[in-house]
Amino acid sequence: MKENSTKLNTGNTNKKDNKKKRPDFIEEMKMEIASELGIIQQVKNEGWDSLSPRISGKIGGKLSQRLKRINK
């Protein structure tokens, strides 16, 4: 029985590792989109919170489109 519980724990660890990689991928995509929109310096200097809702929406929309394209 101890072997089965060890196998289950190993599976959970892999899921956690995948979740950690995902935000990094999304963060890289957001930075790429910010660069394309010409606001990369503002993001680096002042952070994401400094962006207007309109610009944030543009980034979110482009990010969503790219993720849909990748998942197809």
PDB file of N, CA and C in Angstrom:
ATOM      1  N   MET A   1       0.808  -1.200   0.000  1.00  0.00           N
ATOM      2  CA  MET A   1       0.000   0.000   0.000  1.00  0.00           C
ATOM      3  C   MET A   1       0.850   1.262   0.000  1.00  0.00           C
ATOM      4  N   LYS A   2       1.991   1.225   0.617  1.00  0.00           N
ATOM      5  CA  LYS A   2       2.851   2.398   0.646  1.00  0.00           C
ATOM      6  C   LYS A   2       3.309   2.770  -0.754  1.00  0.00           C
ATOM      7  N   GLU A   3       3.497   1.763  -1.609  1.00  0.00           N
ATOM      8  CA  GLU A   3       3.925   2.030  -2.976  1.00  0.00           C
ATOM      9  C   GLU A   3       2.857   2.815  -3.737  1.00  0.00           C
ATOM     10  N   ASN A   4       1.583   2.475  -3.545  1.00  0.00           N
ATOM     11  CA  ASN A   4       0.501   3.182  -4.230  1.00  0.00           C
ATOM     12  C   ASN A   4       0.428   4.641  -3.816  1.00  0.00           C
ATOM     13  N   SER A   5       0.577   4.906  -2.528  1.00  0.00           N
ATOM     14  CA  SER A   5       0.510   6.295  -2.071  1.00  0.00           C
ATOM     15  C   SER A   5       1.697   7.096  -2.599  1.00  0.00           C
ATOM     16  N   THR A   6       2.844   6.448  -2.740  1.00  0.00           N
ATOM     17  CA  THR A   6       4.008   7.133  -3.300  1.00  0.00           C
ATOM     18  C   THR A   6       3.749   7.504  -4.747  1.00  0.00           C
ATOM     19  N   LYS A   7       3.132   6.614  -5.484  1.00  0.00           N
ATOM     20  CA  LYS A   7       2.821   6.893  -6.888  1.00  0.00           C
ATOM     21  C   LYS A   7       1.845   8.052  -7.003  1.00  0.00           C
ATOM     22  N   LEU A   8       0.866   8.104  -6.115  1.00  0.00           N
ATOM     23  CA  LEU A   8      -0.099   9.199  -6.156  1.00  0.00           C
ATOM     24  C   LEU A   8       0.579  10.526  -5.856  1.00  0.00           C
ATOM     25  N   ASN A   9       1.473  10.547  -4.893  1.00  0.00           N
ATOM     26  CA  ASN A   9       2.181  11.780  -4.566  1.00  0.00           C
ATOM     27  C   ASN A   9       3.039  12.255  -5.718  1.00  0.00           C
ATOM     28  N   THR A  10       3.637  11.318  -6.431  1.00  0.00           N
ATOM     29  CA  THR A  10       4.448  11.684  -7.586  1.00  0.00           C
ATOM     30  C   THR A  10       3.581  12.359  -8.642  1.00  0.00           C
ATOM     31  N   GLY A  11       2.383  11.858  -8.851  1.00  0.00           N
ATOM     32  CA  GLY A  11       1.469  12.452  -9.823  1.00  0.00           C
ATOM     33  C   GLY A  11       1.097  13.872  -9.445  1.00  0.00           C
ATOM     34  N   ASN A  12       0.850  14.113  -8.191  1.00  0.00           N
ATOM     35  CA  ASN A  12       0.497  15.457  -7.733  1.00  0.00           C
ATOM     36  C   ASN A  12       1.653  16.434  -7.918  1.00  0.00           C
ATOM     37  N   THR A  13       2.861  15.956  -7.711  1.00  0.00           N
ATOM     38  CA  THR A  13       4.030  16.818  -7.884  1.00  0.00           C
ATOM     39  C   THR A  13       4.142  17.272  -9.326  1.00  0.00           C
ATOM     40  N   ASN A  14       3.901  16.372 -10.266  1.00  0.00           N
ATOM     41  CA  ASN A  14       3.975  16.727 -11.680  1.00  0.00           C
ATOM     42  C   ASN A  14       2.940  17.780 -12.035  1.00  0.00           C
ATOM     43  N   LYS A  15       1.755  17.677 -11.488  1.00  0.00           N
ATOM     44  CA  LYS A  15       0.716  18.673 -11.769  1.00  0.00           C
ATOM     45  C   LYS A  15       1.133  20.043 -11.243  1.00  0.00           C
ATOM     46  N   LYS A  16       1.726  20.075 -10.075  1.00  0.00           N
ATOM     47  CA  LYS A  16       2.185  21.350  -9.520  1.00  0.00           C
ATOM     48  C   LYS A  16       3.270  21.953 -10.386  1.00  0.00           C
ATOM     49  N   ASP A  17       4.180  21.113 -10.889  1.00  0.00           N
ATOM     50  CA  ASP A  17       5.241  21.606 -11.761  1.00  0.00           C
ATOM     51  C   ASP A  17       4.664  22.217 -13.020  1.00  0.00           C
ATOM     52  N   ASN A  18       3.634  21.592 -13.602  1.00  0.00           N
ATOM     53  CA  ASN A  18       3.009  22.119 -14.811  1.00  0.00           C
ATOM     54  C   ASN A  18       2.347  23.469 -14.539  1.00  0.00           C
ATOM     55  N   LYS A  19       1.735  23.618 -13.386  1.00  0.00           N
ATOM     56  CA  LYS A  19       1.085  24.883 -13.051  1.00  0.00           C
ATOM     57  C   LYS A  19       2.112  25.998 -12.884  1.00  0.00           C
ATOM     58  N   LYS A  20       3.284  25.671 -12.377  1.00  0.00           N
ATOM     59  CA  LYS A  20       4.318  26.684 -12.207  1.00  0.00           C
ATOM     60  C   LYS A  20       4.860  27.150 -13.554  1.00  0.00           C
ATOM     61  N   LYS A  21       4.948  26.263 -14.519  1.00  0.00           N
ATOM     62  CA  LYS A  21       5.470  26.621 -15.829  1.00  0.00           C
ATOM     63  C   LYS A  21       4.484  27.482 -16.597  1.00  0.00           C
ATOM     64  N   ARG A  22       3.231  27.269 -16.434  1.00  0.00           N
ATOM     65  CA  ARG A  22       2.199  27.967 -17.190  1.00  0.00           C
ATOM     66  C   ARG A  22       2.228  29.484 -16.983  1.00  0.00           C
ATOM     67  N   PRO A  23       2.266  29.976 -15.751  1.00  0.00           N
ATOM     68  CA  PRO A  23       2.300  31.441 -15.575  1.00  0.00           C
ATOM     69  C   PRO A  23       3.534  32.089 -16.194  1.00  0.00           C
ATOM     70  N   ASP A  24       4.669  31.388 -16.163  1.00  0.00           N
ATOM     71  CA  ASP A  24       5.863  31.944 -16.789  1.00  0.00           C
ATOM     72  C   ASP A  24       5.654  32.104 -18.289  1.00  0.00           C
ATOM     73  N   PHE A  25       5.016  31.130 -18.904  1.00  0.00           N
ATOM     74  CA  PHE A  25       4.741  31.176 -20.329  1.00  0.00           C
ATOM     75  C   PHE A  25       3.811  32.351 -20.649  1.00  0.00           C
ATOM     76  N   ILE A  26       2.788  32.514 -19.857  1.00  0.00           N
ATOM     77  CA  ILE A  26       1.838  33.604 -20.066  1.00  0.00           C
ATOM     78  C   ILE A  26       2.513  34.953 -19.825  1.00  0.00           C
ATOM     79  N   GLU A  27       3.354  35.015 -18.808  1.00  0.00           N
ATOM     80  CA  GLU A  27       4.075  36.264 -18.520  1.00  0.00           C
ATOM     81  C   GLU A  27       4.981  36.640 -19.689  1.00  0.00           C
ATOM     82  N   GLU A  28       5.647  35.645 -20.282  1.00  0.00           N
ATOM     83  CA  GLU A  28       6.493  35.907 -21.443  1.00  0.00           C
ATOM     84  C   GLU A  28       5.665  36.422 -22.621  1.00  0.00           C
ATOM     85  N   MET A  29       4.494  35.838 -22.810  1.00  0.00           N
ATOM     86  CA  MET A  29       3.624  36.284 -23.900  1.00  0.00           C
ATOM     87  C   MET A  29       3.145  37.709 -23.655  1.00  0.00           C
ATOM     88  N   LYS A  30       2.806  38.028 -22.414  1.00  0.00           N
ATOM     89  CA  LYS A  30       2.372  39.390 -22.089  1.00  0.00           C
ATOM     90  C   LYS A  30       3.479  40.396 -22.372  1.00  0.00           C
ATOM     91  N   MET A  31       4.703  40.043 -22.022  1.00  0.00           N
ATOM     92  CA  MET A  31       5.827  40.938 -22.283  1.00  0.00           C
ATOM     93  C   MET A  31       6.044  41.118 -23.781  1.00  0.00           C
ATOM     94  N   GLU A  32       5.891  40.043 -24.536  1.00  0.00           N
ATOM     95  CA  GLU A  32       6.034  40.121 -25.996  1.00  0.00           C
ATOM     96  C   GLU A  32       4.974  41.040 -26.592  1.00  0.00           C
ATOM     97  N   ILE A  33       3.737  40.904 -26.132  1.00  0.00           N
ATOM     98  CA  ILE A  33       2.643  41.743 -26.623  1.00  0.00           C
ATOM     99  C   ILE A  33       2.890  43.203 -26.227  1.00  0.00           C
ATOM    100  N   ALA A  34       3.344  43.427 -24.999  1.00  0.00           N
ATOM    101  CA  ALA A  34       3.645  44.795 -24.556  1.00  0.00           C
ATOM    102  C   ALA A  34       4.726  45.408 -25.432  1.00  0.00           C
ATOM    103  N   SER A  35       5.690  44.610 -25.816  1.00  0.00           N
ATOM    104  CA  SER A  35       6.751  45.090 -26.697  1.00  0.00           C
ATOM    105  C   SER A  35       6.189  45.478 -28.059  1.00  0.00           C
ATOM    106  N   GLU A  36       5.296  44.658 -28.578  1.00  0.00           N
ATOM    107  CA  GLU A  36       4.674  44.949 -29.872  1.00  0.00           C
ATOM    108  C   GLU A  36       3.834  46.223 -29.826  1.00  0.00           C
ATOM    109  N   LEU A  37       3.221  46.474 -28.683  1.00  0.00           N
ATOM    110  CA  LEU A  37       2.384  47.676 -28.533  1.00  0.00           C
ATOM    111  C   LEU A  37       3.211  48.915 -28.188  1.00  0.00           C
ATOM    112  N   GLY A  38       4.501  48.720 -27.943  1.00  0.00           N
ATOM    113  CA  GLY A  38       5.371  49.851 -27.650  1.00  0.00           C
ATOM    114  C   GLY A  38       5.292  50.355 -26.222  1.00  0.00           C
ATOM    115  N   ILE A  39       4.849  49.519 -25.297  1.00  0.00           N
ATOM    116  CA  ILE A  39       4.714  49.956 -23.906  1.00  0.00           C
ATOM    117  C   ILE A  39       5.620  49.162 -22.963  1.00  0.00           C
ATOM    118  N   ILE A  40       6.583  48.463 -23.527  1.00  0.00           N
ATOM    119  CA  ILE A  40       7.441  47.598 -22.709  1.00  0.00           C
ATOM    120  C   ILE A  40       8.219  48.391 -21.661  1.00  0.00           C
ATOM    121  N   GLN A  41       8.700  49.583 -22.006  1.00  0.00           N
ATOM    122  CA  GLN A  41       9.457  50.393 -21.037  1.00  0.00           C
ATOM    123  C   GLN A  41       8.583  50.823 -19.869  1.00  0.00           C
ATOM    124  N   GLN A  42       7.347  51.190 -20.157  1.00  0.00           N
ATOM    125  CA  GLN A  42       6.431  51.584 -19.084  1.00  0.00           C
ATOM    126  C   GLN A  42       6.186  50.409 -18.139  1.00  0.00           C
ATOM    127  N   VAL A  43       6.003  49.218 -18.714  1.00  0.00           N
ATOM    128  CA  VAL A  43       5.764  48.025 -17.894  1.00  0.00           C
ATOM    129  C   VAL A  43       6.992  47.730 -17.027  1.00  0.00           C
ATOM    130  N   LYS A  44       8.174  47.802 -17.625  1.00  0.00           N
ATOM    131  CA  LYS A  44       9.399  47.514 -16.868  1.00  0.00           C
ATOM    132  C   LYS A  44       9.646  48.551 -15.773  1.00  0.00           C
ATOM    133  N   ASN A  45       9.380  49.818 -16.064  1.00  0.00           N
ATOM    134  CA  ASN A  45       9.655  50.888 -15.099  1.00  0.00           C
ATOM    135  C   ASN A  45       8.590  51.011 -14.021  1.00  0.00           C
ATOM    136  N   GLU A  46       7.323  50.900 -14.414  1.00  0.00           N
ATOM    137  CA  GLU A  46       6.229  51.199 -13.491  1.00  0.00           C
ATOM    138  C   GLU A  46       5.365  50.001 -13.139  1.00  0.00           C
ATOM    139  N   GLY A  47       5.492  48.918 -13.858  1.00  0.00           N
ATOM    140  CA  GLY A  47       4.720  47.713 -13.565  1.00  0.00           C
ATOM    141  C   GLY A  47       3.406  47.654 -14.338  1.00  0.00           C
ATOM    142  N   TRP A  48       2.756  46.510 -14.243  1.00  0.00           N
ATOM    143  CA  TRP A  48       1.502  46.289 -14.978  1.00  0.00           C
ATOM    144  C   TRP A  48       0.378  47.181 -14.466  1.00  0.00           C
ATOM    145  N   ASP A  49       0.412  47.529 -13.199  1.00  0.00           N
ATOM    146  CA  ASP A  49      -0.654  48.342 -12.602  1.00  0.00           C
ATOM    147  C   ASP A  49      -0.713  49.752 -13.172  1.00  0.00           C
ATOM    148  N   SER A  50       0.360  50.186 -13.808  1.00  0.00           N
ATOM    149  CA  SER A  50       0.400  51.549 -14.342  1.00  0.00           C
ATOM    150  C   SER A  50      -0.355  51.681 -15.671  1.00  0.00           C
ATOM    151  N   LEU A  51      -0.760  50.571 -16.250  1.00  0.00           N
ATOM    152  CA  LEU A  51      -1.429  50.610 -17.554  1.00  0.00           C
ATOM    153  C   LEU A  51      -2.894  51.006 -17.415  1.00  0.00           C
ATOM    154  N   SER A  52      -3.380  51.673 -18.432  1.00  0.00           N
ATOM    155  CA  SER A  52      -4.794  52.044 -18.444  1.00  0.00           C
ATOM    156  C   SER A  52      -5.638  50.795 -18.712  1.00  0.00           C
ATOM    157  N   PRO A  53      -6.904  50.845 -18.335  1.00  0.00           N
ATOM    158  CA  PRO A  53      -7.778  49.706 -18.618  1.00  0.00           C
ATOM    159  C   PRO A  53      -7.854  49.372 -20.112  1.00  0.00           C
ATOM    160  N   ARG A  54      -7.798  50.383 -20.938  1.00  0.00           N
ATOM    161  CA  ARG A  54      -7.870  50.163 -22.382  1.00  0.00           C
ATOM    162  C   ARG A  54      -6.666  49.355 -22.882  1.00  0.00           C
ATOM    163  N   ILE A  55      -5.471  49.737 -22.449  1.00  0.00           N
ATOM    164  CA  ILE A  55      -4.256  49.026 -22.853  1.00  0.00           C
ATOM    165  C   ILE A  55      -4.246  47.617 -22.254  1.00  0.00           C
ATOM    166  N   SER A  56      -4.671  47.493 -21.008  1.00  0.00           N
ATOM    167  CA  SER A  56      -4.742  46.172 -20.380  1.00  0.00           C
ATOM    168  C   SER A  56      -5.690  45.257 -21.142  1.00  0.00           C
ATOM    169  N   GLY A  57      -6.789  45.821 -21.599  1.00  0.00           N
ATOM    170  CA  GLY A  57      -7.747  45.050 -22.392  1.00  0.00           C
ATOM    171  C   GLY A  57      -7.165  44.608 -23.721  1.00  0.00           C
ATOM    172  N   LYS A  58      -6.378  45.472 -24.335  1.00  0.00           N
ATOM    173  CA  LYS A  58      -5.718  45.107 -25.593  1.00  0.00           C
ATOM    174  C   LYS A  58      -4.770  43.931 -25.377  1.00  0.00           C
ATOM    175  N   ILE A  59      -3.998  44.020 -24.302  1.00  0.00           N
ATOM    176  CA  ILE A  59      -3.059  42.939 -24.000  1.00  0.00           C
ATOM    177  C   ILE A  59      -3.821  41.644 -23.722  1.00  0.00           C
ATOM    178  N   GLY A  60      -4.875  41.734 -22.928  1.00  0.00           N
ATOM    179  CA  GLY A  60      -5.675  40.548 -22.619  1.00  0.00           C
ATOM    180  C   GLY A  60      -6.317  39.941 -23.852  1.00  0.00           C
ATOM    181  N   GLY A  61      -6.815  40.784 -24.745  1.00  0.00           N
ATOM    182  CA  GLY A  61      -7.437  40.295 -25.974  1.00  0.00           C
ATOM    183  C   GLY A  61      -6.443  39.593 -26.876  1.00  0.00           C
ATOM    184  N   LYS A  62      -5.278  40.194 -27.033  1.00  0.00           N
ATOM    185  CA  LYS A  62      -4.241  39.571 -27.869  1.00  0.00           C
ATOM    186  C   LYS A  62      -3.730  38.281 -27.239  1.00  0.00           C
ATOM    187  N   LEU A  63      -3.603  38.278 -25.931  1.00  0.00           N
ATOM    188  CA  LEU A  63      -3.167  37.082 -25.218  1.00  0.00           C
ATOM    189  C   LEU A  63      -4.179  35.951 -25.407  1.00  0.00           C
ATOM    190  N   SER A  64      -5.449  36.290 -25.288  1.00  0.00           N
ATOM    191  CA  SER A  64      -6.507  35.304 -25.478  1.00  0.00           C
ATOM    192  C   SER A  64      -6.491  34.720 -26.890  1.00  0.00           C
ATOM    193  N   GLN A  65      -6.318  35.565 -27.875  1.00  0.00           N
ATOM    194  CA  GLN A  65      -6.256  35.103 -29.264  1.00  0.00           C
ATOM    195  C   GLN A  65      -5.098  34.134 -29.465  1.00  0.00           C
ATOM    196  N   ARG A  66      -3.958  34.479 -28.926  1.00  0.00           N
ATOM    197  CA  ARG A  66      -2.765  33.625 -29.103  1.00  0.00           C
ATOM    198  C   ARG A  66      -2.939  32.289 -28.391  1.00  0.00           C
ATOM    199  N   LEU A  67      -3.517  32.307 -27.192  1.00  0.00           N
ATOM    200  CA  LEU A  67      -3.733  31.059 -26.473  1.00  0.00           C
ATOM    201  C   LEU A  67      -4.716  30.160 -27.208  1.00  0.00           C
ATOM    202  N   LYS A  68      -5.745  30.750 -27.802  1.00  0.00           N
ATOM    203  CA  LYS A  68      -6.700  29.960 -28.590  1.00  0.00           C
ATOM    204  C   LYS A  68      -6.012  29.349 -29.795  1.00  0.00           C
ATOM    205  N   ARG A  69      -5.164  30.133 -30.451  1.00  0.00           N
ATOM    206  CA  ARG A  69      -4.439  29.653 -31.624  1.00  0.00           C
ATOM    207  C   ARG A  69      -3.511  28.491 -31.248  1.00  0.00           C
ATOM    208  N   ILE A  70      -2.863  28.587 -30.094  1.00  0.00           N
ATOM    209  CA  ILE A  70      -1.945  27.542 -29.637  1.00  0.00           C
ATOM    210  C   ILE A  70      -2.706  26.261 -29.298  1.00  0.00           C
ATOM    211  N   ASN A  71      -3.882  26.396 -28.700  1.00  0.00           N
ATOM    212  CA  ASN A  71      -4.646  25.234 -28.259  1.00  0.00           C
ATOM    213  C   ASN A  71      -5.333  24.487 -29.397  1.00  0.00           C
ATOM    214  N   LYS A  72      -5.374  25.065 -30.574  1.00  0.00           N
ATOM    215  CA  LYS A  72      -6.039  24.385 -31.694  1.00  0.00           C
ATOM    216  C   LYS A  72      -5.247  23.277 -32.246  1.00  0.00           C
TER     217      LYS A  72
END
